[in-house]
Full PDB file with SEQRES, HELIX, SHEET, SSBOND, CRYST1, ORIGX, SCALE, CONECT and MASTER records, all heavy atoms in Angstrom:
SEQRES   1 A   33  ASN ALA ALA ARG PRO GLU ALA GLU ARG LEU HIS VAL ARG          
SEQRES   2 A   33  GLN ARG VAL ALA ARG MET PRO THR TYR ALA CYS VAL SER          
SEQRES   3 A   33  PRO ARG SER ALA TRP PRO GLN                                  
HELIX    1 AA1 GLU A    6  GLU A    8  5                                   3    
CRYST1    1.000    1.000    1.000  90.00  90.00  90.00 P 1           1          
ORIGX1      1.000000  0.000000  0.000000        0.00000                         
ORIGX2      0.000000  1.000000  0.000000        0.00000                         
ORIGX3      0.000000  0.000000  1.000000        0.00000                         
SCALE1      1.000000  0.000000  0.000000        0.00000                         
SCALE2      0.000000  1.000000  0.000000        0.00000                         
SCALE3      0.000000  0.000000  1.000000        0.00000                         
ATOM      1  N   ASN A   1      56.005  14.857 -42.932  1.00  0.00           N  
ATOM      2  CA  ASN A   1      56.164  15.597 -41.611  1.00  0.00           C  
ATOM      3  C   ASN A   1      57.063  14.903 -40.640  1.00  0.00           C  
ATOM      4  O   ASN A   1      57.799  15.505 -39.851  1.00  0.00           O  
ATOM      5  CB  ASN A   1      54.765  15.820 -41.040  1.00  0.00           C  
ATOM      6  CG  ASN A   1      54.119  17.106 -41.684  1.00  0.00           C  
ATOM      7  OD1 ASN A   1      54.711  17.892 -42.339  1.00  0.00           O  
ATOM      8  ND2 ASN A   1      52.803  17.146 -41.514  1.00  0.00           N  
ATOM      9  N   ALA A   2      56.939  13.508 -40.620  1.00  0.00           N  
ATOM     10  CA  ALA A   2      57.718  12.809 -39.572  1.00  0.00           C  
ATOM     11  C   ALA A   2      59.217  13.092 -39.805  1.00  0.00           C  
ATOM     12  O   ALA A   2      59.965  12.798 -38.907  1.00  0.00           O  
ATOM     13  CB  ALA A   2      57.431  11.352 -39.779  1.00  0.00           C  
ATOM     14  N   ALA A   3      59.715  13.366 -41.015  1.00  0.00           N  
ATOM     15  CA  ALA A   3      61.160  13.486 -41.263  1.00  0.00           C  
ATOM     16  C   ALA A   3      61.638  14.988 -41.037  1.00  0.00           C  
ATOM     17  O   ALA A   3      62.782  15.249 -41.356  1.00  0.00           O  
ATOM     18  CB  ALA A   3      61.437  13.065 -42.657  1.00  0.00           C  
ATOM     19  N   ARG A   4      60.735  15.840 -40.539  1.00  0.00           N  
ATOM     20  CA  ARG A   4      61.086  17.281 -40.396  1.00  0.00           C  
ATOM     21  C   ARG A   4      60.932  17.799 -38.973  1.00  0.00           C  
ATOM     22  O   ARG A   4      59.968  17.308 -38.303  1.00  0.00           O  
ATOM     23  CB  ARG A   4      60.217  18.030 -41.416  1.00  0.00           C  
ATOM     24  CG  ARG A   4      60.847  18.033 -42.806  1.00  0.00           C  
ATOM     25  CD  ARG A   4      59.858  18.275 -43.905  1.00  0.00           C  
ATOM     26  NE  ARG A   4      60.560  18.110 -45.233  1.00  0.00           N  
ATOM     27  CZ  ARG A   4      60.850  16.883 -45.721  1.00  0.00           C  
ATOM     28  NH1 ARG A   4      60.462  15.773 -45.038  1.00  0.00           N  
ATOM     29  NH2 ARG A   4      61.505  16.876 -46.847  1.00  0.00           N  
ATOM     30  N   PRO A   5      61.642  18.798 -38.594  1.00  0.00           N  
ATOM     31  CA  PRO A   5      61.388  19.403 -37.364  1.00  0.00           C  
ATOM     32  C   PRO A   5      60.078  20.038 -37.223  1.00  0.00           C  
ATOM     33  O   PRO A   5      59.406  20.403 -38.298  1.00  0.00           O  
ATOM     34  CB  PRO A   5      62.566  20.485 -37.156  1.00  0.00           C  
ATOM     35  CG  PRO A   5      62.914  20.690 -38.624  1.00  0.00           C  
ATOM     36  CD  PRO A   5      62.724  19.443 -39.349  1.00  0.00           C  
ATOM     37  N   GLU A   6      59.545  20.272 -36.075  1.00  0.00           N  
ATOM     38  CA  GLU A   6      58.215  20.623 -35.874  1.00  0.00           C  
ATOM     39  C   GLU A   6      57.915  22.004 -36.601  1.00  0.00           C  
ATOM     40  O   GLU A   6      56.803  22.202 -37.169  1.00  0.00           O  
ATOM     41  CB  GLU A   6      57.837  20.845 -34.450  1.00  0.00           C  
ATOM     42  CG  GLU A   6      56.317  21.131 -34.146  1.00  0.00           C  
ATOM     43  CD  GLU A   6      56.074  21.087 -32.588  1.00  0.00           C  
ATOM     44  OE1 GLU A   6      56.902  20.674 -31.895  1.00  0.00           O  
ATOM     45  OE2 GLU A   6      54.904  21.461 -32.260  1.00  0.00           O  
ATOM     46  N   ALA A   7      58.887  22.918 -36.627  1.00  0.00           N  
ATOM     47  CA  ALA A   7      58.650  24.266 -37.236  1.00  0.00           C  
ATOM     48  C   ALA A   7      58.495  24.187 -38.726  1.00  0.00           C  
ATOM     49  O   ALA A   7      58.016  25.089 -39.328  1.00  0.00           O  
ATOM     50  CB  ALA A   7      59.909  25.072 -36.870  1.00  0.00           C  
ATOM     51  N   GLU A   8      58.898  23.003 -39.382  1.00  0.00           N  
ATOM     52  CA  GLU A   8      58.793  22.895 -40.809  1.00  0.00           C  
ATOM     53  C   GLU A   8      57.690  22.075 -41.222  1.00  0.00           C  
ATOM     54  O   GLU A   8      57.459  21.806 -42.460  1.00  0.00           O  
ATOM     55  CB  GLU A   8      60.116  22.348 -41.388  1.00  0.00           C  
ATOM     56  CG  GLU A   8      61.389  23.258 -41.225  1.00  0.00           C  
ATOM     57  CD  GLU A   8      62.528  22.752 -41.953  1.00  0.00           C  
ATOM     58  OE1 GLU A   8      62.492  21.573 -42.539  1.00  0.00           O  
ATOM     59  OE2 GLU A   8      63.624  23.214 -41.720  1.00  0.00           O  
ATOM     60  N   ARG A   9      56.914  21.496 -40.262  1.00  0.00           N  
ATOM     61  CA  ARG A   9      55.864  20.613 -40.726  1.00  0.00           C  
ATOM     62  C   ARG A   9      54.633  21.407 -41.286  1.00  0.00           C  
ATOM     63  O   ARG A   9      54.368  22.509 -40.848  1.00  0.00           O  
ATOM     64  CB  ARG A   9      55.427  19.771 -39.451  1.00  0.00           C  
ATOM     65  CG  ARG A   9      56.454  18.822 -38.998  1.00  0.00           C  
ATOM     66  CD  ARG A   9      56.142  18.072 -37.734  1.00  0.00           C  
ATOM     67  NE  ARG A   9      57.230  17.267 -37.345  1.00  0.00           N  
ATOM     68  CZ  ARG A   9      57.301  16.600 -36.102  1.00  0.00           C  
ATOM     69  NH1 ARG A   9      56.190  16.710 -35.261  1.00  0.00           N  
ATOM     70  NH2 ARG A   9      58.348  15.876 -35.798  1.00  0.00           N  
ATOM     71  N   LEU A  10      53.981  20.704 -42.109  1.00  0.00           N  
ATOM     72  CA  LEU A  10      52.703  21.350 -42.765  1.00  0.00           C  
ATOM     73  C   LEU A  10      51.493  20.848 -42.085  1.00  0.00           C  
ATOM     74  O   LEU A  10      51.548  19.794 -41.424  1.00  0.00           O  
ATOM     75  CB  LEU A  10      52.725  20.842 -44.286  1.00  0.00           C  
ATOM     76  CG  LEU A  10      53.952  21.173 -44.990  1.00  0.00           C  
ATOM     77  CD1 LEU A  10      53.978  20.610 -46.447  1.00  0.00           C  
ATOM     78  CD2 LEU A  10      54.239  22.680 -45.071  1.00  0.00           C  
ATOM     79  N   HIS A  11      50.410  21.589 -42.265  1.00  0.00           N  
ATOM     80  CA  HIS A  11      49.256  21.389 -41.470  1.00  0.00           C  
ATOM     81  C   HIS A  11      47.954  21.197 -42.327  1.00  0.00           C  
ATOM     82  O   HIS A  11      47.711  21.864 -43.314  1.00  0.00           O  
ATOM     83  CB  HIS A  11      49.030  22.656 -40.563  1.00  0.00           C  
ATOM     84  CG  HIS A  11      50.178  23.020 -39.719  1.00  0.00           C  
ATOM     85  ND1 HIS A  11      50.352  22.459 -38.460  1.00  0.00           N  
ATOM     86  CD2 HIS A  11      51.298  23.684 -39.964  1.00  0.00           C  
ATOM     87  CE1 HIS A  11      51.477  22.907 -37.960  1.00  0.00           C  
ATOM     88  NE2 HIS A  11      52.028  23.697 -38.829  1.00  0.00           N  
ATOM     89  N   VAL A  12      47.198  20.217 -41.813  1.00  0.00           N  
ATOM     90  CA  VAL A  12      45.928  19.822 -42.511  1.00  0.00           C  
ATOM     91  C   VAL A  12      44.848  20.933 -42.131  1.00  0.00           C  
ATOM     92  O   VAL A  12      44.624  21.191 -40.939  1.00  0.00           O  
ATOM     93  CB  VAL A  12      45.476  18.542 -42.069  1.00  0.00           C  
ATOM     94  CG1 VAL A  12      44.050  18.193 -42.706  1.00  0.00           C  
ATOM     95  CG2 VAL A  12      46.438  17.409 -42.484  1.00  0.00           C  
ATOM     96  N   ARG A  13      44.221  21.364 -43.175  1.00  0.00           N  
ATOM     97  CA  ARG A  13      43.183  22.336 -42.894  1.00  0.00           C  
ATOM     98  C   ARG A  13      41.702  21.677 -43.103  1.00  0.00           C  
ATOM     99  O   ARG A  13      40.836  22.056 -42.309  1.00  0.00           O  
ATOM    100  CB  ARG A  13      43.271  23.532 -43.980  1.00  0.00           C  
ATOM    101  CG  ARG A  13      44.523  24.349 -43.846  1.00  0.00           C  
ATOM    102  CD  ARG A  13      44.733  24.972 -42.489  1.00  0.00           C  
ATOM    103  NE  ARG A  13      43.948  26.190 -42.332  1.00  0.00           N  
ATOM    104  CZ  ARG A  13      44.259  27.368 -42.631  1.00  0.00           C  
ATOM    105  NH1 ARG A  13      45.416  27.556 -43.176  1.00  0.00           N  
ATOM    106  NH2 ARG A  13      43.479  28.433 -42.460  1.00  0.00           N  
ATOM    107  N   GLN A  14      41.675  20.742 -44.012  1.00  0.00           N  
ATOM    108  CA  GLN A  14      40.413  20.046 -44.232  1.00  0.00           C  
ATOM    109  C   GLN A  14      40.559  18.868 -45.197  1.00  0.00           C  
ATOM    110  O   GLN A  14      41.561  18.820 -45.955  1.00  0.00           O  
ATOM    111  CB  GLN A  14      39.313  21.056 -44.781  1.00  0.00           C  
ATOM    112  CG  GLN A  14      39.621  21.508 -46.200  1.00  0.00           C  
ATOM    113  CD  GLN A  14      39.441  22.981 -46.274  1.00  0.00           C  
ATOM    114  OE1 GLN A  14      40.019  23.709 -45.679  1.00  0.00           O  
ATOM    115  NE2 GLN A  14      38.354  23.296 -47.164  1.00  0.00           N  
ATOM    116  N   ARG A  15      39.691  17.916 -45.040  1.00  0.00           N  
ATOM    117  CA  ARG A  15      39.621  16.728 -46.083  1.00  0.00           C  
ATOM    118  C   ARG A  15      38.930  17.203 -47.242  1.00  0.00           C  
ATOM    119  O   ARG A  15      37.829  17.858 -47.186  1.00  0.00           O  
ATOM    120  CB  ARG A  15      38.959  15.593 -45.337  1.00  0.00           C  
ATOM    121  CG  ARG A  15      39.082  14.332 -46.287  1.00  0.00           C  
ATOM    122  CD  ARG A  15      38.459  13.128 -45.628  1.00  0.00           C  
ATOM    123  NE  ARG A  15      37.071  13.167 -45.598  1.00  0.00           N  
ATOM    124  CZ  ARG A  15      36.253  12.253 -44.921  1.00  0.00           C  
ATOM    125  NH1 ARG A  15      36.853  11.290 -44.196  1.00  0.00           N  
ATOM    126  NH2 ARG A  15      34.959  12.368 -44.937  1.00  0.00           N  
ATOM    127  N   VAL A  16      39.439  16.915 -48.469  1.00  0.00           N  
ATOM    128  CA  VAL A  16      38.791  17.265 -49.707  1.00  0.00           C  
ATOM    129  C   VAL A  16      38.345  16.110 -50.546  1.00  0.00           C  
ATOM    130  O   VAL A  16      37.507  16.205 -51.446  1.00  0.00           O  
ATOM    131  CB  VAL A  16      39.761  18.175 -50.649  1.00  0.00           C  
ATOM    132  CG1 VAL A  16      40.015  19.517 -49.902  1.00  0.00           C  
ATOM    133  CG2 VAL A  16      40.992  17.363 -50.977  1.00  0.00           C  
ATOM    134  N   ALA A  17      38.789  14.881 -50.193  1.00  0.00           N  
ATOM    135  CA  ALA A  17      38.320  13.764 -50.881  1.00  0.00           C  
ATOM    136  C   ALA A  17      38.682  12.447 -50.157  1.00  0.00           C  
ATOM    137  O   ALA A  17      39.742  12.378 -49.472  1.00  0.00           O  
ATOM    138  CB  ALA A  17      38.875  13.620 -52.318  1.00  0.00           C  
ATOM    139  N   ARG A  18      37.840  11.401 -50.252  1.00  0.00           N  
ATOM    140  CA  ARG A  18      38.122  10.093 -49.756  1.00  0.00           C  
ATOM    141  C   ARG A  18      37.652   9.065 -50.705  1.00  0.00           C  
ATOM    142  O   ARG A  18      36.531   9.110 -51.140  1.00  0.00           O  
ATOM    143  CB  ARG A  18      37.356   9.879 -48.325  1.00  0.00           C  
ATOM    144  CG  ARG A  18      37.777   8.591 -47.596  1.00  0.00           C  
ATOM    145  CD  ARG A  18      37.035   8.581 -46.296  1.00  0.00           C  
ATOM    146  NE  ARG A  18      37.490   7.480 -45.427  1.00  0.00           N  
ATOM    147  CZ  ARG A  18      36.995   6.225 -45.490  1.00  0.00           C  
ATOM    148  NH1 ARG A  18      36.021   5.991 -46.319  1.00  0.00           N  
ATOM    149  NH2 ARG A  18      37.470   5.268 -44.703  1.00  0.00           N  
ATOM    150  N   MET A  19      38.557   8.188 -51.161  1.00  0.00           N  
ATOM    151  CA  MET A  19      38.213   7.219 -52.185  1.00  0.00           C  
ATOM    152  C   MET A  19      38.817   5.862 -51.882  1.00  0.00           C  
ATOM    153  O   MET A  19      40.030   5.791 -51.571  1.00  0.00           O  
ATOM    154  CB  MET A  19      38.591   7.831 -53.519  1.00  0.00           C  
ATOM    155  CG  MET A  19      40.191   7.867 -53.695  1.00  0.00           C  
ATOM    156  SD  MET A  19      40.768   9.304 -54.623  1.00  0.00           S  
ATOM    157  CE  MET A  19      40.650  10.577 -53.431  1.00  0.00           C  
ATOM    158  N   PRO A  20      37.978   4.775 -52.156  1.00  0.00           N  
ATOM    159  CA  PRO A  20      38.591   3.373 -52.167  1.00  0.00           C  
ATOM    160  C   PRO A  20      39.303   3.277 -53.529  1.00  0.00           C  
ATOM    161  O   PRO A  20      38.970   3.854 -54.490  1.00  0.00           O  
ATOM    162  CB  PRO A  20      37.312   2.548 -52.107  1.00  0.00           C  
ATOM    163  CG  PRO A  20      36.196   3.390 -52.717  1.00  0.00           C  
ATOM    164  CD  PRO A  20      36.505   4.777 -52.280  1.00  0.00           C  
ATOM    165  N   THR A  21      40.351   2.483 -53.435  1.00  0.00           N  
ATOM    166  CA  THR A  21      41.146   2.218 -54.653  1.00  0.00           C  
ATOM    167  C   THR A  21      41.246   0.677 -54.925  1.00  0.00           C  
ATOM    168  O   THR A  21      40.920  -0.196 -53.990  1.00  0.00           O  
ATOM    169  CB  THR A  21      42.613   2.671 -54.539  1.00  0.00           C  
ATOM    170  OG1 THR A  21      43.220   2.028 -53.397  1.00  0.00           O  
ATOM    171  CG2 THR A  21      42.611   4.160 -54.405  1.00  0.00           C  
ATOM    172  N   TYR A  22      41.531   0.291 -56.161  1.00  0.00           N  
ATOM    173  CA  TYR A  22      41.392  -1.091 -56.613  1.00  0.00           C  
ATOM    174  C   TYR A  22      42.638  -1.444 -57.467  1.00  0.00           C  
ATOM    175  O   TYR A  22      43.319  -0.591 -57.822  1.00  0.00           O  
ATOM    176  CB  TYR A  22      40.118  -1.217 -57.445  1.00  0.00           C  
ATOM    177  CG  TYR A  22      38.881  -0.689 -56.868  1.00  0.00           C  
ATOM    178  CD1 TYR A  22      38.577   0.625 -56.794  1.00  0.00           C  
ATOM    179  CD2 TYR A  22      38.006  -1.553 -56.173  1.00  0.00           C  
ATOM    180  CE1 TYR A  22      37.417   1.146 -56.173  1.00  0.00           C  
ATOM    181  CE2 TYR A  22      36.803  -1.126 -55.656  1.00  0.00           C  
ATOM    182  CZ  TYR A  22      36.583   0.240 -55.622  1.00  0.00           C  
ATOM    183  OH  TYR A  22      35.408   0.725 -55.034  1.00  0.00           O  
ATOM    184  N   ALA A  23      42.811  -2.725 -57.638  1.00  0.00           N  
ATOM    185  CA  ALA A  23      43.813  -3.167 -58.575  1.00  0.00           C  
ATOM    186  C   ALA A  23      42.995  -3.274 -59.938  1.00  0.00           C  
ATOM    187  O   ALA A  23      41.914  -3.691 -60.082  1.00  0.00           O  
ATOM    188  CB  ALA A  23      44.421  -4.577 -58.265  1.00  0.00           C  
ATOM    189  N   CYS A  24      43.750  -2.773 -61.002  1.00  0.00           N  
ATOM    190  CA  CYS A  24      43.162  -2.840 -62.385  1.00  0.00           C  
ATOM    191  C   CYS A  24      43.882  -3.882 -63.181  1.00  0.00           C  
ATOM    192  O   CYS A  24      45.195  -3.804 -63.315  1.00  0.00           O  
ATOM    193  CB  CYS A  24      43.333  -1.504 -63.013  1.00  0.00           C  
ATOM    194  SG  CYS A  24      42.523  -1.244 -64.610  1.00  0.00           S  
ATOM    195  N   VAL A  25      43.129  -4.895 -63.694  1.00  0.00           N  
ATOM    196  CA  VAL A  25      43.731  -5.991 -64.511  1.00  0.00           C  
ATOM    197  C   VAL A  25      43.722  -5.639 -65.976  1.00  0.00           C  
ATOM    198  O   VAL A  25      42.616  -5.244 -66.476  1.00  0.00           O  
ATOM    199  CB  VAL A  25      42.891  -7.223 -64.176  1.00  0.00           C  
ATOM    200  CG1 VAL A  25      43.450  -8.422 -64.998  1.00  0.00           C  
ATOM    201  CG2 VAL A  25      42.967  -7.559 -62.718  1.00  0.00           C  
ATOM    202  N   SER A  26      44.827  -5.816 -66.664  1.00  0.00           N  
ATOM    203  CA  SER A  26      44.856  -5.536 -68.127  1.00  0.00           C  
ATOM    204  C   SER A  26      43.918  -6.491 -68.900  1.00  0.00           C  
ATOM    205  O   SER A  26      43.964  -7.700 -68.673  1.00  0.00           O  
ATOM    206  CB  SER A  26      46.275  -5.742 -68.593  1.00  0.00           C  
ATOM    207  OG  SER A  26      46.333  -5.609 -69.998  1.00  0.00           O  
ATOM    208  N   PRO A  27      43.206  -6.009 -69.840  1.00  0.00           N  
ATOM    209  CA  PRO A  27      42.396  -6.838 -70.752  1.00  0.00           C  
ATOM    210  C   PRO A  27      43.236  -7.622 -71.766  1.00  0.00           C  
ATOM    211  O   PRO A  27      42.715  -8.586 -72.383  1.00  0.00           O  
ATOM    212  CB  PRO A  27      41.530  -5.833 -71.562  1.00  0.00           C  
ATOM    213  CG  PRO A  27      42.320  -4.560 -71.560  1.00  0.00           C  
ATOM    214  CD  PRO A  27      42.968  -4.583 -70.241  1.00  0.00           C  
ATOM    215  N   ARG A  28      44.621  -7.310 -71.801  1.00  0.00           N  
ATOM    216  CA  ARG A  28      45.474  -8.049 -72.732  1.00  0.00           C  
ATOM    217  C   ARG A  28      46.552  -8.840 -72.063  1.00  0.00           C  
ATOM    218  O   ARG A  28      47.492  -9.155 -72.573  1.00  0.00           O  
ATOM    219  CB  ARG A  28      46.071  -7.045 -73.814  1.00  0.00           C  
ATOM    220  CG  ARG A  28      44.973  -6.517 -74.841  1.00  0.00           C  
ATOM    221  CD  ARG A  28      45.645  -5.604 -75.706  1.00  0.00           C  
ATOM    222  NE  ARG A  28      44.672  -5.211 -76.862  1.00  0.00           N  
ATOM    223  CZ  ARG A  28      43.722  -4.286 -76.656  1.00  0.00           C  
ATOM    224  NH1 ARG A  28      43.675  -3.588 -75.581  1.00  0.00           N  
ATOM    225  NH2 ARG A  28      42.973  -3.958 -77.692  1.00  0.00           N  
ATOM    226  N   SER A  29      46.467  -9.052 -70.770  1.00  0.00           N  
ATOM    227  CA  SER A  29      47.307  -9.877 -70.091  1.00  0.00           C  
ATOM    228  C   SER A  29      47.337 -11.385 -70.512  1.00  0.00           C  
ATOM    229  O   SER A  29      46.343 -11.854 -70.928  1.00  0.00           O  
ATOM    230  CB  SER A  29      46.948  -9.815 -68.482  1.00  0.00           C  
ATOM    231  OG  SER A  29      47.716 -10.733 -67.771  1.00  0.00           O  
ATOM    232  N   ALA A  30      48.450 -11.993 -70.347  1.00  0.00           N  
ATOM    233  CA  ALA A  30      48.575 -13.437 -70.635  1.00  0.00           C  
ATOM    234  C   ALA A  30      47.870 -14.240 -69.572  1.00  0.00           C  
ATOM    235  O   ALA A  30      47.534 -15.380 -69.791  1.00  0.00           O  
ATOM    236  CB  ALA A  30      50.020 -13.856 -70.784  1.00  0.00           C  
ATOM    237  N   TRP A  31      47.622 -13.568 -68.409  1.00  0.00           N  
ATOM    238  CA  TRP A  31      46.819 -14.302 -67.362  1.00  0.00           C  
ATOM    239  C   TRP A  31      45.319 -14.043 -67.651  1.00  0.00           C  
ATOM    240  O   TRP A  31      44.898 -12.882 -67.946  1.00  0.00           O  
ATOM    241  CB  TRP A  31      47.250 -13.673 -66.011  1.00  0.00           C  
ATOM    242  CG  TRP A  31      48.525 -13.975 -65.485  1.00  0.00           C  
ATOM    243  CD1 TRP A  31      49.707 -13.359 -65.930  1.00  0.00           C  
ATOM    244  CD2 TRP A  31      48.818 -14.942 -64.442  1.00  0.00           C  
ATOM    245  NE1 TRP A  31      50.716 -13.939 -65.198  1.00  0.00           N  
ATOM    246  CE2 TRP A  31      50.267 -14.861 -64.335  1.00  0.00           C  
ATOM    247  CE3 TRP A  31      48.068 -15.820 -63.740  1.00  0.00           C  
ATOM    248  CZ2 TRP A  31      50.954 -15.666 -63.484  1.00  0.00           C  
ATOM    249  CZ3 TRP A  31      48.804 -16.656 -62.812  1.00  0.00           C  
ATOM    250  CH2 TRP A  31      50.182 -16.537 -62.730  1.00  0.00           C  
ATOM    251  N   PRO A  32      44.455 -15.037 -67.470  1.00  0.00           N  
ATOM    252  CA  PRO A  32      43.080 -14.856 -67.511  1.00  0.00           C  
ATOM    253  C   PRO A  32      42.608 -13.803 -66.548  1.00  0.00           C  
ATOM    254  O   PRO A  32      43.016 -13.821 -65.340  1.00  0.00           O  
ATOM    255  CB  PRO A  32      42.429 -16.207 -67.229  1.00  0.00           C  
ATOM    256  CG  PRO A  32      43.518 -17.149 -67.591  1.00  0.00           C  
ATOM    257  CD  PRO A  32      44.851 -16.558 -67.259  1.00  0.00           C  
ATOM    258  N   GLN A  33      41.852 -12.912 -67.038  1.00  0.00           N  
ATOM    259  CA  GLN A  33      41.470 -11.816 -66.187  1.00  0.00           C  
ATOM    260  C   GLN A  33      40.626 -12.322 -64.871  1.00  0.00           C  
ATOM    261  O   GLN A  33      40.835 -11.875 -63.766  1.00  0.00           O  
ATOM    262  CB  GLN A  33      40.435 -10.852 -66.873  1.00  0.00           C  
ATOM    263  CG  GLN A  33      41.142  -9.759 -67.717  1.00  0.00           C  
ATOM    264  CD  GLN A  33      40.225  -8.756 -68.170  1.00  0.00           C  
ATOM    265  OE1 GLN A  33      39.133  -9.042 -68.668  1.00  0.00           O  
ATOM    266  NE2 GLN A  33      40.652  -7.514 -68.035  1.00  0.00           N  
TER     267      GLN A  33                                                      
MASTER        0    0    0    1    0    0    0    6  266    1    0    3          
END                                                                             
C-alpha cells in the first residue's frame, strides 16, 4: 500500500491468523544441529 496512491490501496477487513515463526535446522547439515 505504501507504494500506491490512496485510491489504489487495499483494505484490511479482519485478521484470520497469527503465528510465531522459527528457523528450521536441517537434520543433514554439516553443522551440528
